[in-house]
Amino acid sequence: MSDLNDPMVFFAAERTLLAWNRTSLTLMAFGFVIERFGLFIRLLSLQHVASTSPGLSSWVGMAFILLGSLAAFTAIVQYRKVLATLKPVEIPAGYAVDVGVWLNAVVALLGLVLTAYLFQA
């Protein structure tokens, strides 16, 4: 990828991975807020209709949560591709390169669990 032989290239890739992690968390949080806001509106509604079917906000909220999970998984794949192009001199010795990957994987899996929970509720 680069001929710089500089570990800063690796750190830039890791910063990008963590930026995607923040993006995926933001998408999931936004989806959760949309989903719960729809429930809140239904509870406050003057129409006392006993509807058990989820509204549009539930589906949109779950879609945002799934999009956040997809972003986290995609970031892992992209980061791995960048790591494969780096020379050993560009990765600091003894540095744990998989911490960000595990963090993104946990975030993505928790997003899937949250979607499954909201789908049942």
C-alpha atoms as a PDB file:
ATOM      1  CA  MET A   1       0.000   0.000   0.000  1.00  0.00           C
ATOM      2  CA  SER A   2       2.652   2.479   0.963  1.00  0.00           C
ATOM      3  CA  ASP A   3       6.374   2.742   0.622  1.00  0.00           C
ATOM      4  CA  LEU A   4       6.717   4.929   3.668  1.00  0.00           C
ATOM      5  CA  ASN A   5       7.775   2.193   6.096  1.00  0.00           C
ATOM      6  CA  ASP A   6       6.062   4.319   8.700  1.00  0.00           C
ATOM      7  CA  PRO A   7       3.798   2.961  11.469  1.00  0.00           C
ATOM      8  CA  MET A   8       1.636   6.059  11.091  1.00  0.00           C
ATOM      9  CA  VAL A   9      -0.012   4.370   8.094  1.00  0.00           C
ATOM     10  CA  PHE A  10      -1.163   1.564  10.375  1.00  0.00           C
ATOM     11  CA  PHE A  11      -2.408   4.009  12.985  1.00  0.00           C
ATOM     12  CA  ALA A  12      -4.360   5.878  10.306  1.00  0.00           C
ATOM     13  CA  ALA A  13      -6.045   2.614   9.316  1.00  0.00           C
ATOM     14  CA  GLU A  14      -6.864   1.921  12.949  1.00  0.00           C
ATOM     15  CA  ARG A  15      -8.327   5.414  13.400  1.00  0.00           C
ATOM     16  CA  THR A  16     -10.504   4.784  10.362  1.00  0.00           C
ATOM     17  CA  LEU A  17     -11.698   1.496  11.852  1.00  0.00           C
ATOM     18  CA  LEU A  18     -12.600   3.229  15.102  1.00  0.00           C
ATOM     19  CA  ALA A  19     -14.357   6.018  13.192  1.00  0.00           C
ATOM     20  CA  TRP A  20     -16.508   3.368  11.528  1.00  0.00           C
ATOM     21  CA  ASN A  21     -17.138   1.933  14.987  1.00  0.00           C
ATOM     22  CA  ARG A  22     -18.471   5.306  16.133  1.00  0.00           C
ATOM     23  CA  THR A  23     -20.575   5.542  12.990  1.00  0.00           C
ATOM     24  CA  SER A  24     -22.095   2.111  13.554  1.00  0.00           C
ATOM     25  CA  LEU A  25     -22.842   2.920  17.198  1.00  0.00           C
ATOM     26  CA  THR A  26     -24.491   6.173  16.132  1.00  0.00           C
ATOM     27  CA  LEU A  27     -26.649   4.409  13.554  1.00  0.00           C
ATOM     28  CA  MET A  28     -27.711   1.834  16.134  1.00  0.00           C
ATOM     29  CA  ALA A  29     -28.506   4.464  18.750  1.00  0.00           C
ATOM     30  CA  PHE A  30     -30.499   6.477  16.224  1.00  0.00           C
ATOM     31  CA  GLY A  31     -32.406   3.344  15.228  1.00  0.00           C
ATOM     32  CA  PHE A  32     -33.178   2.538  18.846  1.00  0.00           C
ATOM     33  CA  VAL A  33     -34.447   6.073  19.448  1.00  0.00           C
ATOM     34  CA  ILE A  34     -36.674   5.904  16.355  1.00  0.00           C
ATOM     35  CA  GLU A  35     -38.052   2.520  17.389  1.00  0.00           C
ATOM     36  CA  ARG A  36     -38.775   3.566  20.965  1.00  0.00           C
ATOM     37  CA  PHE A  37     -40.179   6.944  19.934  1.00  0.00           C
ATOM     38  CA  GLY A  38     -42.780   5.171  17.812  1.00  0.00           C
ATOM     39  CA  LEU A  39     -43.754   3.087  20.823  1.00  0.00           C
ATOM     40  CA  PHE A  40     -43.964   6.237  22.938  1.00  0.00           C
ATOM     41  CA  ILE A  41     -46.223   7.939  20.391  1.00  0.00           C
ATOM     42  CA  ARG A  42     -48.483   4.882  20.250  1.00  0.00           C
ATOM     43  CA  LEU A  43     -48.775   4.903  24.042  1.00  0.00           C
ATOM     44  CA  LEU A  44     -49.651   8.598  24.126  1.00  0.00           C
ATOM     45  CA  SER A  45     -52.018   8.363  21.216  1.00  0.00           C
ATOM     46  CA  LEU A  46     -55.570   9.449  21.830  1.00  0.00           C
ATOM     47  CA  GLN A  47     -56.720   6.516  19.773  1.00  0.00           C
ATOM     48  CA  HIS A  48     -57.003   3.668  22.216  1.00  0.00           C
ATOM     49  CA  VAL A  49     -56.649   1.017  19.586  1.00  0.00           C
ATOM     50  CA  ALA A  50     -55.180  -2.215  20.844  1.00  0.00           C
ATOM     51  CA  SER A  51     -52.724  -2.789  18.048  1.00  0.00           C
ATOM     52  CA  THR A  52     -50.005  -5.348  18.561  1.00  0.00           C
ATOM     53  CA  SER A  53     -48.461  -4.893  15.133  1.00  0.00           C
ATOM     54  CA  PRO A  54     -45.312  -2.808  15.014  1.00  0.00           C
ATOM     55  CA  GLY A  55     -45.598   0.516  13.272  1.00  0.00           C
ATOM     56  CA  LEU A  56     -43.416   1.974  10.576  1.00  0.00           C
ATOM     57  CA  SER A  57     -41.077   3.512  13.138  1.00  0.00           C
ATOM     58  CA  SER A  58     -40.310   0.062  14.528  1.00  0.00           C
ATOM     59  CA  TRP A  59     -39.266  -1.225  11.123  1.00  0.00           C
ATOM     60  CA  VAL A  60     -37.257   1.899  10.309  1.00  0.00           C
ATOM     61  CA  GLY A  61     -35.558   1.777  13.708  1.00  0.00           C
ATOM     62  CA  MET A  62     -34.623  -1.869  13.296  1.00  0.00           C
ATOM     63  CA  ALA A  63     -33.334  -1.117   9.796  1.00  0.00           C
ATOM     64  CA  PHE A  64     -31.009   1.544  11.222  1.00  0.00           C
ATOM     65  CA  ILE A  65     -29.763  -0.883  13.867  1.00  0.00           C
ATOM     66  CA  LEU A  66     -29.091  -3.513  11.201  1.00  0.00           C
ATOM     67  CA  LEU A  67     -27.358  -0.888   9.069  1.00  0.00           C
ATOM     68  CA  GLY A  68     -25.105  -0.095  12.032  1.00  0.00           C
ATOM     69  CA  SER A  69     -24.254  -3.783  12.418  1.00  0.00           C
ATOM     70  CA  LEU A  70     -23.506  -4.033   8.718  1.00  0.00           C
ATOM     71  CA  ALA A  71     -21.246  -0.972   8.941  1.00  0.00           C
ATOM     72  CA  ALA A  72     -19.309  -2.560  11.810  1.00  0.00           C
ATOM     73  CA  PHE A  73     -18.835  -5.845   9.937  1.00  0.00           C
ATOM     74  CA  THR A  74     -17.844  -4.016   6.748  1.00  0.00           C
ATOM     75  CA  ALA A  75     -15.293  -1.957   8.672  1.00  0.00           C
ATOM     76  CA  ILE A  76     -13.693  -5.175   9.923  1.00  0.00           C
ATOM     77  CA  VAL A  77     -13.362  -6.494   6.380  1.00  0.00           C
ATOM     78  CA  GLN A  78     -11.891  -3.236   5.086  1.00  0.00           C
ATOM     79  CA  TYR A  79      -9.432  -2.988   7.981  1.00  0.00           C
ATOM     80  CA  ARG A  80      -8.254  -6.553   7.367  1.00  0.00           C
ATOM     81  CA  LYS A  81      -7.687  -5.736   3.694  1.00  0.00           C
ATOM     82  CA  VAL A  82      -5.576  -2.710   4.613  1.00  0.00           C
ATOM     83  CA  LEU A  83      -3.583  -4.713   7.171  1.00  0.00           C
ATOM     84  CA  ALA A  84      -2.788  -7.300   4.523  1.00  0.00           C
ATOM     85  CA  THR A  85      -1.146  -4.631   2.372  1.00  0.00           C
ATOM     86  CA  LEU A  86       1.098  -3.253   5.120  1.00  0.00           C
ATOM     87  CA  LYS A  87       4.691  -4.281   5.541  1.00  0.00           C
ATOM     88  CA  PRO A  88       5.780  -5.712   8.904  1.00  0.00           C
ATOM     89  CA  VAL A  89       7.870  -2.603   9.561  1.00  0.00           C
ATOM     90  CA  GLU A  90       4.697  -0.495   9.374  1.00  0.00           C
ATOM     91  CA  ILE A  91       3.081  -2.361  12.280  1.00  0.00           C
ATOM     92  CA  PRO A  92       4.683  -1.644  15.665  1.00  0.00           C
ATOM     93  CA  ALA A  93       6.242  -4.680  17.303  1.00  0.00           C
ATOM     94  CA  GLY A  94       4.112  -6.187  20.036  1.00  0.00           C
ATOM     95  CA  TYR A  95       1.078  -4.068  19.164  1.00  0.00           C
ATOM     96  CA  ALA A  96      -2.273  -5.846  19.452  1.00  0.00           C
ATOM     97  CA  VAL A  97      -3.793  -5.203  16.033  1.00  0.00           C
ATOM     98  CA  ASP A  98      -6.999  -7.135  16.742  1.00  0.00           C
ATOM     99  CA  VAL A  99      -8.417  -5.025  19.578  1.00  0.00           C
ATOM    100  CA  GLY A 100     -10.347  -2.751  17.222  1.00  0.00           C
ATOM    101  CA  VAL A 101     -11.556  -5.744  15.244  1.00  0.00           C
ATOM    102  CA  TRP A 102     -12.910  -7.431  18.364  1.00  0.00           C
ATOM    103  CA  LEU A 103     -14.531  -4.201  19.481  1.00  0.00           C
ATOM    104  CA  ASN A 104     -16.304  -3.813  16.143  1.00  0.00           C
ATOM    105  CA  ALA A 105     -17.351  -7.467  16.156  1.00  0.00           C
ATOM    106  CA  VAL A 106     -18.889  -7.121  19.620  1.00  0.00           C
ATOM    107  CA  VAL A 107     -20.719  -3.944  18.594  1.00  0.00           C
ATOM    108  CA  ALA A 108     -22.055  -5.642  15.464  1.00  0.00           C
ATOM    109  CA  LEU A 109     -23.213  -8.716  17.373  1.00  0.00           C
ATOM    110  CA  LEU A 110     -24.881  -6.599  20.045  1.00  0.00           C
ATOM    111  CA  GLY A 111     -26.692  -4.735  17.280  1.00  0.00           C
ATOM    112  CA  LEU A 112     -28.014  -8.030  15.946  1.00  0.00           C
ATOM    113  CA  VAL A 113     -29.079  -9.091  19.444  1.00  0.00           C
ATOM    114  CA  LEU A 114     -30.822  -5.746  19.964  1.00  0.00           C
ATOM    115  CA  THR A 115     -32.659  -6.136  16.666  1.00  0.00           C
ATOM    116  CA  ALA A 116     -33.808  -9.625  17.631  1.00  0.00           C
ATOM    117  CA  TYR A 117     -34.997  -8.328  21.006  1.00  0.00           C
ATOM    118  CA  LEU A 118     -36.908  -5.428  19.463  1.00  0.00           C
ATOM    119  CA  PHE A 119     -38.426  -7.735  16.865  1.00  0.00           C
ATOM    120  CA  GLN A 120     -39.869  -9.907  19.643  1.00  0.00           C
ATOM    121  CA  ALA A 121     -41.126  -6.982  21.727  1.00  0.00           C
END
